[in-house]
Amino acid sequence: MKFLFLIACIVCAVSLSMLSMIVATGRIPFRSQDANIETTEKSAEVKDEKMAGLVGQKETVDDLVLALKKEKKIYENKLGELVAREQSLSNQQEVVTLMKAELEKSRTSLSEKIVEADAAEQANLKRLSLVYSKMDPESASTLLREMTSDRAARILNLIPERQAAAILNASIATGADGTKKAADWSDVIRRMKQDKVKKGP
């Protein structure tokens, strides 16, 4: 029994030493050279295939990286354009706001000037109507026929009715042209009175 135990120990020791040698060298000892060459060739082929696969994958990854860089550049360009457009729109909005404020200021100023001009025109028309009412009807008619129908009618409207009627008669007495002028003045006066009634007192 001791003998068997001794043989088993020797076999175990040899097996352990071979196993440690295999682990240390990565090769199996006592193999034929042909088997080693085949294994080496197979491992070289596997390595080549792996390397070829890795090279292909590296090229694919490089292509993807280039594509991503291009996309990033396009995105950055678009973003820059968008920022520039926003700035341009903001500037245009400011200009429009300033122009709108200036236009409103001008409109207010113009309205005030129109009111002042209307007041001045009304005062001027009152003075003229006073002058024309003191003139003889023929002379007043002659002067009024030289004005626009609207202006002449506005002056006649401010003259007392008897004197205005005398001026209209004097205009009619001058002939067809005077009659047409008198009709135009009467029509304008009628419209002015209608507008005054519509607006109220």
Foldseek 3Di string as FASTA:
>chain_A
DVVVVVVVVVVVVVVVVQVVVCVVPVDRPPDDVVVVVVVVVVVVVVVVVVVVVVVVVVVVVVVVVVVVVVVVVVVVVVVVVVVVVVVVVVVVVVVVVVVVVVVVVVVVVVVVVVVVVVVVVLVVLLVVLVVLLPDQLLVSLVVLLVDDLLSSLSSLLNHPPVSSVRNLVNLVVVDDSSPVSSVSSVVNNVVVVVVDVVVDD
